Protein backbone atom coordinates (compact mmCIF):
# COMPACT_ATOMS: atom_id res chain seq x y z
CA MET A 1 140.80 173.28 120.69
CA SER A 2 138.02 174.44 122.88
CA LYS A 3 138.16 174.61 126.60
CA LYS A 4 135.68 172.55 128.53
CA LYS A 5 134.67 174.25 131.66
CA ILE A 6 133.94 171.75 134.36
CA VAL A 7 132.05 172.95 137.33
CA ILE A 8 132.75 170.94 140.38
CA LEU A 9 130.41 171.15 143.25
CA VAL A 10 132.38 170.87 146.42
CA VAL A 11 130.47 169.79 149.44
CA ILE A 12 132.10 170.73 152.71
CA VAL A 13 130.74 168.94 155.73
CA ALA A 14 131.64 170.35 159.13
CA VAL A 15 130.79 168.40 162.24
CA ILE A 16 130.65 170.66 165.23
CA ALA A 17 130.43 169.20 168.79
CA ALA A 18 129.55 165.64 169.77
CA PRO A 19 126.23 163.86 169.22
CA ILE A 20 123.54 165.30 171.34
CA VAL A 21 123.67 163.95 174.91
CA TYR A 22 120.77 164.23 177.28
CA LEU A 23 122.23 164.37 180.79
CA LYS A 24 120.59 163.85 184.12
CA THR A 25 122.53 164.73 187.28
CA LYS A 26 121.63 164.08 190.86
CA LYS A 27 122.83 166.30 193.64
CA LYS A 28 122.93 164.92 197.18
CA ALA A 29 122.49 167.16 200.15
CA SER A 30 123.40 165.88 203.66
CA THR A 31 122.00 167.05 206.98
CA VAL A 32 123.91 166.13 210.20
CA THR A 33 122.27 166.18 213.61
CA TYR A 34 123.69 165.16 216.98
CA LYS A 35 122.06 163.26 219.78
CA THR A 36 123.37 164.28 223.21
CA ALA A 37 123.04 163.30 226.84
CA GLN A 38 123.99 164.99 230.09
CA VAL A 39 126.77 163.91 232.41
CA THR A 40 125.01 162.66 235.54
CA LYS A 41 126.08 161.82 239.05
CA GLY A 42 124.84 158.74 240.81
CA THR A 43 125.51 155.06 241.51
CA LEU A 44 127.36 153.04 238.90
CA VAL A 45 127.16 149.24 239.01
CA ALA A 46 129.85 147.37 237.07
CA THR A 47 128.92 143.85 235.96
CA VAL A 48 130.34 140.89 234.08
CA SER A 49 128.17 138.38 232.23
CA GLY A 50 128.61 134.67 231.69
CA SER A 51 126.58 131.62 230.77
CA GLY A 52 126.73 127.97 231.70
CA ASN A 53 124.74 125.18 233.31
CA ILE A 54 123.32 124.01 236.62
CA VAL A 55 125.32 121.23 238.29
CA VAL A 56 124.84 119.10 241.40
CA ASN A 57 127.62 119.64 243.91
CA ASP A 58 126.90 116.47 245.94
CA SER A 59 126.30 113.41 243.78
CA ALA A 60 127.11 109.69 244.12
CA LYS A 61 127.08 106.74 241.75
CA VAL A 62 126.11 103.37 243.20
CA ASN A 63 128.37 100.75 241.59
CA PRO A 64 128.49 97.44 243.55
CA SER A 65 131.85 95.69 243.23
CA ILE A 66 130.46 92.18 243.56
CA THR A 67 128.60 89.95 241.15
CA GLY A 68 125.18 88.48 241.65
CA THR A 69 121.49 88.92 240.98
CA VAL A 70 119.50 92.03 241.94
CA ALA A 71 116.79 91.36 244.51
CA ASN A 72 114.53 93.31 246.86
CA LEU A 73 114.78 96.60 244.94
CA LYS A 74 113.29 99.13 247.35
CA VAL A 75 113.45 102.45 245.43
CA LYS A 76 112.10 103.96 242.25
CA LEU A 77 113.14 106.89 240.11
CA GLY A 78 112.58 110.20 241.90
CA ASP A 79 112.52 108.73 245.42
CA THR A 80 114.20 110.65 248.22
CA VAL A 81 116.57 108.47 250.26
CA LYS A 82 118.60 108.86 253.45
CA LYS A 83 122.26 108.03 253.82
CA GLY A 84 122.64 104.35 254.71
CA GLN A 85 119.14 103.43 253.53
CA THR A 86 118.91 100.01 251.84
CA LEU A 87 118.46 100.31 248.07
CA PHE A 88 118.52 96.64 247.03
CA THR A 89 120.24 93.35 247.79
CA ILE A 90 122.44 91.04 245.71
CA THR A 91 121.96 87.28 245.75
CA ASN A 92 125.35 85.46 245.81
CA ASP A 93 125.56 82.36 248.07
CA GLN A 94 129.18 81.72 247.10
CA LEU A 95 130.21 84.63 249.32
CA ASP A 96 129.06 82.71 252.45
CA ILE A 97 131.30 79.79 251.51
CA THR A 98 134.22 82.15 250.98
CA VAL A 99 133.69 83.66 254.43
CA GLN A 100 133.60 80.21 256.06
CA LYS A 101 136.86 79.22 254.38
CA ALA A 102 138.50 82.45 255.48
CA ASN A 103 137.31 81.90 259.06
CA THR A 104 138.71 78.34 259.12
CA ALA A 105 142.05 79.60 257.85
CA TYR A 106 142.07 82.25 260.57
CA LEU A 107 141.37 79.72 263.36
CA GLN A 108 144.13 77.44 262.05
CA ALA A 109 146.55 80.37 261.96
CA GLN A 110 145.73 81.15 265.57
CA GLN A 111 146.39 77.52 266.64
CA ASN A 112 149.67 77.52 264.74
CA LEU A 113 150.69 80.61 266.66
CA VAL A 114 149.88 78.92 269.99
CA ASN A 115 152.00 75.93 269.02
CA ALA A 116 154.87 78.12 267.87
CA GLN A 117 154.80 80.11 271.10
CA ALA A 118 154.91 76.86 273.14
CA SER A 119 157.90 75.61 271.15
CA TYR A 120 159.64 78.91 271.67
CA ALA A 121 159.10 78.70 275.45
CA THR A 122 160.63 75.21 275.53
CA ALA A 123 163.64 76.26 273.44
CA LYS A 124 164.14 79.28 275.62
CA THR A 125 164.20 77.12 278.78
CA THR A 126 166.65 74.67 277.22
CA TYR A 127 168.97 77.40 276.12
CA ALA A 128 168.84 79.04 279.55
CA SER A 129 169.67 75.72 281.20
CA GLN A 130 172.68 75.34 278.94
CA THR A 131 174.06 78.86 279.22
CA GLY A 132 172.75 80.35 282.41
CA SER A 133 174.35 80.26 285.92
CA THR A 134 171.91 77.50 287.00
CA GLY A 135 173.13 75.20 284.25
CA ALA A 136 176.78 75.78 285.15
CA ALA A 137 176.09 75.10 288.82
CA LYS A 138 174.33 71.87 287.99
CA ALA A 139 177.19 70.77 285.74
CA LEU A 140 179.72 71.53 288.47
CA ALA A 141 177.64 69.69 291.04
CA THR A 142 177.44 66.70 288.70
CA LEU A 143 181.23 66.79 288.27
CA GLU A 144 181.86 66.99 292.01
CA GLN A 145 179.46 64.14 292.67
CA ALA A 146 181.18 62.05 290.01
CA LYS A 147 184.54 62.69 291.65
CA LEU A 148 183.15 61.83 295.08
CA ASP A 149 181.67 58.61 293.74
CA LEU A 150 185.06 57.75 292.23
CA VAL A 151 186.85 58.31 295.54
CA LYS A 152 184.28 56.21 297.37
CA SER A 153 184.59 53.38 294.87
CA GLN A 154 188.37 53.49 295.11
CA ALA A 155 188.17 53.34 298.94
CA GLN A 156 185.77 50.45 298.71
CA LEU A 157 188.16 48.61 296.42
CA THR A 158 191.05 49.12 298.83
CA GLN A 159 188.96 47.85 301.73
CA ASP A 160 187.81 44.76 299.85
CA GLN A 161 191.31 44.02 298.58
CA THR A 162 192.65 44.18 302.16
CA ALA A 163 189.99 41.77 303.34
CA LEU A 164 190.67 39.45 300.42
CA ALA A 165 194.40 39.43 301.26
CA ALA A 166 193.52 38.09 304.69
CA ASN A 167 191.29 35.42 303.27
CA THR A 168 192.29 34.70 299.70
CA SER A 169 189.94 31.82 299.32
CA ASP A 170 186.83 33.86 300.06
CA ALA A 171 184.89 33.81 296.79
CA VAL A 172 182.53 36.54 297.85
CA LEU A 173 185.40 38.90 298.50
CA GLN A 174 186.87 37.99 295.18
CA GLN A 175 183.59 38.89 293.42
CA LYS A 176 183.36 42.16 295.32
CA VAL A 177 186.83 43.18 294.24
CA VAL A 178 185.87 42.56 290.60
CA LEU A 179 182.69 44.62 290.99
CA ASP A 180 184.65 47.38 292.76
CA GLN A 181 186.99 47.61 289.80
CA VAL A 182 184.05 47.87 287.39
CA THR A 183 182.49 50.58 289.55
CA ILE A 184 185.75 52.51 289.59
CA THR A 185 185.93 52.35 285.80
CA ASN A 186 182.35 53.61 285.47
CA ASN A 187 182.98 56.40 287.95
CA GLN A 188 186.13 57.43 286.12
CA ASN A 189 184.12 57.65 282.90
CA ALA A 190 181.42 59.68 284.69
CA VAL A 191 184.06 62.10 285.99
CA THR A 192 185.47 62.50 282.49
CA THR A 193 182.00 63.14 280.97
CA ALA A 194 181.01 65.58 283.71
CA GLN A 195 184.32 67.41 283.41
CA THR A 196 183.92 67.74 279.65
CA ALA A 197 180.32 68.97 279.97
CA TYR A 198 181.28 71.46 282.60
CA ASP A 199 184.24 72.75 280.60
CA GLN A 200 182.08 73.15 277.47
CA LEU A 201 179.34 74.90 279.43
CA VAL A 202 181.76 77.37 280.99
CA ALA A 203 183.46 78.06 277.64
CA GLY A 204 180.08 78.54 275.88
CA THR A 205 181.16 76.66 272.81
CA GLY A 206 179.68 73.32 273.56
CA SER A 207 177.56 71.47 271.08
CA ALA A 208 174.62 71.50 273.50
CA ILE A 209 174.70 75.29 273.69
CA THR A 210 175.03 75.60 269.92
CA ALA A 211 172.12 73.27 269.38
CA ALA A 212 170.01 75.04 272.01
CA LYS A 213 170.79 78.43 270.49
CA SER A 214 169.87 77.23 267.01
CA GLN A 215 166.62 75.77 268.27
CA LEU A 216 165.75 79.02 270.07
CA SER A 217 166.39 81.13 266.95
CA ALA A 218 164.27 78.82 264.79
CA ALA A 219 161.47 78.86 267.36
CA GLN A 220 161.50 82.67 267.45
CA THR A 221 161.33 82.82 263.64
CA ASN A 222 158.40 80.45 263.67
CA VAL A 223 156.55 82.64 266.16
CA GLU A 224 157.00 85.75 263.98
CA ALA A 225 155.87 83.87 260.90
CA ALA A 226 152.85 82.54 262.78
CA LYS A 227 151.93 86.07 263.91
CA GLN A 228 152.10 87.34 260.33
CA ASN A 229 149.93 84.46 259.18
CA VAL A 230 147.35 85.33 261.84
CA THR A 231 147.36 88.98 260.75
CA SER A 232 147.01 88.01 257.10
CA ALA A 233 144.27 85.49 257.80
CA LEU A 234 142.34 88.02 259.89
CA ALA A 235 142.63 90.66 257.17
CA ASP A 236 141.37 88.20 254.59
CA LEU A 237 138.48 87.20 256.86
CA ASN A 238 137.48 90.82 257.41
CA SER A 239 137.77 91.49 253.68
CA GLN A 240 135.54 88.55 252.85
CA LYS A 241 133.02 89.66 255.47
CA THR A 242 133.04 93.19 254.02
CA THR A 243 132.54 91.83 250.52
CA ALA A 244 129.71 89.60 251.70
CA ALA A 245 128.12 92.58 253.46
CA GLU A 246 128.06 94.42 250.11
CA ARG A 247 125.20 92.19 249.12
CA THR A 248 123.11 94.75 250.97
CA VAL A 249 123.52 97.92 248.88
CA THR A 250 122.87 101.16 250.77
CA ALA A 251 122.71 104.85 249.81
CA PRO A 252 126.13 106.52 250.15
CA ILE A 253 124.55 109.97 250.52
CA ALA A 254 121.17 111.50 251.19
CA GLY A 255 119.39 112.79 248.10
CA THR A 256 117.11 111.97 245.19
CA VAL A 257 117.33 108.93 242.92
CA THR A 258 117.94 110.52 239.51
CA THR A 259 119.09 107.40 237.66
CA LEU A 260 117.70 103.89 238.05
CA SER A 261 118.83 101.39 235.41
CA ILE A 262 118.24 98.05 237.15
CA ALA A 263 115.32 95.84 238.10
CA ASN A 264 114.84 92.73 240.20
CA GLY A 265 116.42 89.76 238.48
CA ASP A 266 119.09 91.73 236.64
CA THR A 267 122.63 90.36 236.76
CA LEU A 268 125.45 92.48 238.10
CA GLY A 269 128.73 91.53 236.47
CA SER A 270 132.37 92.41 237.12
CA SER A 271 132.90 93.92 233.67
CA SER A 272 129.97 96.32 233.87
CA SER A 273 127.98 97.92 236.62
CA ALA A 274 124.70 96.53 235.46
CA ALA A 275 123.33 94.49 232.61
CA SER A 276 119.68 95.26 232.82
CA ALA A 277 116.87 94.24 230.53
CA THR A 278 117.33 97.50 228.63
CA GLY A 279 121.02 96.82 228.04
CA SER A 280 122.15 99.82 230.08
CA SER A 281 125.81 99.92 231.07
CA THR A 282 125.55 103.03 233.22
CA SER A 283 125.66 103.10 237.00
CA PRO A 284 122.72 101.11 238.38
CA ILE A 285 121.69 104.00 240.60
CA VAL A 286 122.72 107.65 240.78
CA ILE A 287 121.75 109.73 243.81
CA GLN A 288 121.96 113.51 243.74
CA ASN A 289 121.42 115.96 246.56
CA LEU A 290 119.31 118.57 244.79
CA ASP A 291 119.78 120.93 247.72
CA THR A 292 123.39 121.40 246.57
CA LEU A 293 122.73 122.83 243.11
CA LYS A 294 125.36 125.23 241.80
CA ALA A 295 125.71 127.32 238.68
CA VAL A 296 128.95 126.93 236.72
CA VAL A 297 129.39 129.66 234.11
CA SER A 298 132.14 130.60 231.66
CA ILE A 299 133.69 134.07 231.97
CA ASN A 300 135.70 135.61 229.14
CA GLU A 301 139.40 136.07 229.83
CA VAL A 302 138.99 139.84 229.40
CA ASP A 303 136.59 139.98 232.36
CA ILE A 304 137.85 137.22 234.65
CA ALA A 305 140.33 139.46 236.50
CA SER A 306 137.46 141.48 237.96
CA VAL A 307 135.55 138.41 239.23
CA ALA A 308 136.21 137.36 242.83
CA VAL A 309 134.77 135.03 245.46
CA GLY A 310 131.92 136.60 247.41
CA GLN A 311 130.60 138.86 244.65
CA LYS A 312 126.84 139.00 244.19
CA VAL A 313 125.25 137.39 241.15
CA GLY A 314 121.88 137.56 239.45
CA MET A 315 120.77 134.54 237.42
CA THR A 316 118.10 133.86 234.79
CA PHE A 317 117.20 130.61 233.05
CA ASP A 318 116.40 129.89 229.42
CA ALA A 319 113.91 127.17 230.37
CA VAL A 320 112.10 129.11 233.10
CA SER A 321 110.56 132.44 232.16
CA ASN A 322 110.29 135.34 234.59
CA LEU A 323 112.54 133.73 237.19
CA THR A 324 115.58 135.52 238.59
CA LEU A 325 117.59 134.03 241.44
CA THR A 326 120.50 135.53 243.34
CA GLY A 327 123.68 134.05 244.67
CA LYS A 328 127.39 134.60 245.29
CA VAL A 329 130.58 133.55 243.55
CA GLU A 330 132.07 130.61 245.47
CA LYS A 331 135.02 129.63 243.29
CA VAL A 332 136.96 130.98 240.30
CA ASP A 333 139.14 128.59 238.31
CA THR A 334 142.77 129.57 237.82
CA VAL A 335 143.18 127.50 234.64
CA GLY A 336 141.24 128.51 231.56
CA THR A 337 139.84 126.59 228.61
CA ALA A 338 140.53 127.57 224.99
CA THR A 339 137.74 126.96 222.48
CA GLN A 340 138.32 128.09 218.89
CA GLY A 341 140.81 130.68 220.07
CA VAL A 342 138.56 132.07 222.81
CA VAL A 343 139.77 131.55 226.39
CA THR A 344 137.23 131.34 229.20
CA TYR A 345 137.40 130.57 232.92
CA SER A 346 134.78 128.75 234.96
CA ALA A 347 133.17 130.41 237.98
CA THR A 348 131.05 128.44 240.46
CA ILE A 349 128.06 130.25 241.94
CA GLY A 350 126.07 129.26 245.01
CA PHE A 351 122.37 130.12 245.30
CA ASP A 352 120.98 132.28 248.08
CA SER A 353 117.80 130.24 247.78
CA LEU A 354 116.63 127.54 245.37
CA ASP A 355 113.50 127.24 243.28
CA ALA A 356 111.89 123.86 242.55
CA LYS A 357 111.72 124.73 238.85
CA VAL A 358 115.52 124.84 238.59
CA ARG A 359 116.97 121.45 237.73
CA PRO A 360 120.38 119.97 236.96
CA GLU A 361 121.90 120.71 233.52
CA MET A 362 119.59 123.68 232.84
CA SER A 363 121.15 126.61 230.99
CA VAL A 364 121.81 129.65 233.16
CA ASN A 365 122.78 133.24 232.42
CA ALA A 366 124.66 135.02 235.18
CA VAL A 367 125.41 138.70 235.77
CA VAL A 368 128.18 139.19 238.33
CA THR A 369 128.33 142.53 240.13
CA THR A 370 132.05 143.27 240.20
CA ASP A 371 131.94 146.84 241.57
CA VAL A 372 129.47 149.39 242.93
CA LYS A 373 130.46 153.06 243.04
CA GLN A 374 128.36 155.68 244.77
CA ASP A 375 128.08 159.36 243.78
CA VAL A 376 130.24 159.22 240.64
CA LEU A 377 129.99 161.01 237.29
CA SER A 378 128.97 158.82 234.38
CA ILE A 379 127.87 159.01 230.76
CA ALA A 380 126.57 156.57 228.19
CA SER A 381 129.36 154.23 227.10
CA THR A 382 128.55 155.02 223.45
CA ALA A 383 129.83 158.57 224.01
CA VAL A 384 133.35 157.44 224.92
CA LYS A 385 135.79 157.01 222.06
CA SER A 386 139.41 155.89 221.89
CA ALA A 387 142.18 157.99 220.37
CA THR A 388 145.11 156.57 218.45
CA ASP A 389 147.40 157.20 221.43
CA GLY A 390 145.21 155.04 223.64
CA SER A 391 143.55 157.90 225.52
CA SER A 392 139.80 158.36 225.78
CA TYR A 393 137.75 161.32 224.60
CA VAL A 394 134.19 162.51 224.13
CA GLN A 395 132.65 165.09 221.84
CA VAL A 396 130.89 168.23 223.02
CA LEU A 397 129.03 170.76 220.84
CA VAL A 398 130.54 174.19 220.49
CA ASN A 399 128.38 176.50 218.35
CA GLY A 400 126.67 173.44 216.95
CA ALA A 401 129.89 171.71 215.93
CA PRO A 402 131.44 168.75 217.75
CA GLN A 403 134.80 169.16 219.43
CA ASN A 404 136.92 166.45 221.08
CA LYS A 405 137.50 166.57 224.81
CA THR A 406 139.93 164.24 226.58
CA VAL A 407 138.54 162.37 229.60
CA THR A 408 139.78 159.86 232.16
CA THR A 409 137.46 156.88 232.59
CA GLY A 410 136.93 154.46 235.45
CA VAL A 411 134.72 151.38 235.75
CA SER A 412 132.02 150.56 233.23
CA SER A 413 128.69 148.81 233.29
CA ASP A 414 126.87 147.43 230.26
CA THR A 415 125.64 150.91 229.33
CA GLU A 416 127.45 153.50 231.48
CA THR A 417 131.08 154.51 231.96
CA GLU A 418 132.53 156.37 234.94
CA ILE A 419 134.18 159.73 234.23
CA VAL A 420 137.03 160.32 236.65
CA SER A 421 138.10 163.67 235.14
CA GLY A 422 137.52 165.86 232.11
CA LEU A 423 133.79 166.57 232.48
CA THR A 424 131.46 168.12 235.01
CA GLU A 425 127.93 167.26 235.99
CA GLY A 426 125.34 168.57 233.58
CA GLU A 427 127.60 168.89 230.54
CA GLU A 428 126.13 167.71 227.27
CA VAL A 429 128.11 165.13 225.31
CA VAL A 430 127.43 163.64 221.89
CA THR A 431 126.17 160.07 222.14
CA GLN A 432 125.16 159.62 218.49
CA THR A 433 125.72 161.35 215.13
CA ILE A 434 122.80 161.13 212.69
CA THR A 435 123.32 161.96 208.97
CA ALA A 436 120.22 162.47 206.77
CA THR A 437 120.68 162.56 202.93
CA THR A 438 118.28 164.20 200.30
CA SER A 439 118.55 164.08 196.44
CA THR A 440 117.69 166.67 193.62
CA SER A 441 117.57 166.09 189.81
CA SER A 442 118.39 168.37 186.72
CA SER A 443 118.62 167.79 182.94
CA SER A 444 120.45 169.42 179.91
CA THR A 445 120.59 168.89 176.14
CA ASN A 446 123.68 169.25 173.94
CA ARG A 447 123.16 170.21 170.30
CA SER A 448 125.25 169.38 167.20
CA THR A 449 125.00 170.94 163.73
CA ARG A 450 125.81 169.26 160.47
CA THR A 451 126.20 171.51 157.34
CA THR A 452 125.77 170.15 153.79
CA GLY A 453 126.43 172.74 151.10
CA GLY A 454 124.35 175.72 152.00
CA SER A 455 121.93 173.68 154.10
CA ALA A 456 122.08 172.98 157.83
CA ILE A 457 120.34 170.03 159.58
CA GLN A 458 119.73 170.27 163.30
CA THR A 459 119.49 166.98 165.22
CA PHE A 460 118.54 166.10 168.85
CA GLY A 461 119.71 163.05 170.64
CA GLY A 462 120.03 161.53 174.04
CA PRO A 463 118.28 159.03 176.14
CA GLY A 464 114.59 158.98 175.39
CA GLY A 465 115.03 161.47 172.49
CA PHE A 466 114.86 160.89 168.87
CA GLY A 467 117.25 161.21 165.91
CA GLY A 468 119.67 159.22 167.84
């Protein structure tokens, strides 16, 4: 048996390194420069800004309270009027009838009072006669006279009876005796009545006194009621006259007619001020005193504490270019308004002088001078930074590198901040840091070798290369 020699070719493949990679790297180089400014000494003006609108401080709406038809309209839009000047009249004849009725009622009330006062005077006299000393004296005199008349009639009877006894057949004497007896009876009754009246009068409990007292009280009540009726009737008469007088509509203030929504022939109703041909339901006339224009601006809650009455203000207007007016703060509201989480307070500003181009409702921007400090150190507000502990600091350059320096600040304007301590005049502080960046590029190629038997193949790869 022969041996077969088999030759095996062994191929060893070795992969060294990764596929070729073509690398590009960019290196960034930064250059930092610092912008500085000197600490200066001078005047620092602290201000607060706000915006708002122009309003009219003295304005009046003309709203007649009576119904009727507009007549004799004497003004037009834009006219200047004086206080009390006639604007128009209202036709309403029914008001004259109402006044006449009220006047008749007043005259009747006056006559009723006269009658009541007369009745009271009579009742007072009657009561006085029943209760006063004069009444008692009269009653006593009546009683005494009745007693005297009784005595006289009794004496007369005795005399006539004596005569009749002497001549019993005398018919005349017989008749006289009968009449004397009747007279005595009447006189006895008169004495009894007078005695009773006198006793009742003295005791004060007699029916006459009670009746007189009741009549006096009723008469007094009637007088008071009549007086109240006169007062009420007079008030109603005056009210009706006032209402009738409103048919002549006058200007409540002096100013300019800024709203005119009526015309002759329009009907004024009780449910709306005016129903004009245009269907307007606004006030028929609005008068505004344009000499009383004010600016009302909103100040942020952060700044409002520094705003006070009397501070000077500069104002500009969106609708009027190149116009700046001055004024003073006249009022600062104590209650703020929150809008979307932002709280503002209104400040009212009066003008030092007005310009004809400024009109109601225009937008206004106001700058309020809250403080003016003379001869103080200050720097640009951009140079002042806040530390985590709440203190303030600035940066100064030492050998070209910034270093922090603690400062104490005072008031601030829009651009400058007062330095109370920590810096001296002329020192340079960093107001801005400027960083400039430049870029550089480099490339490299990695190689890999693949071996097959005794041969080696070299390949190149990477972005933009080949064999990849």
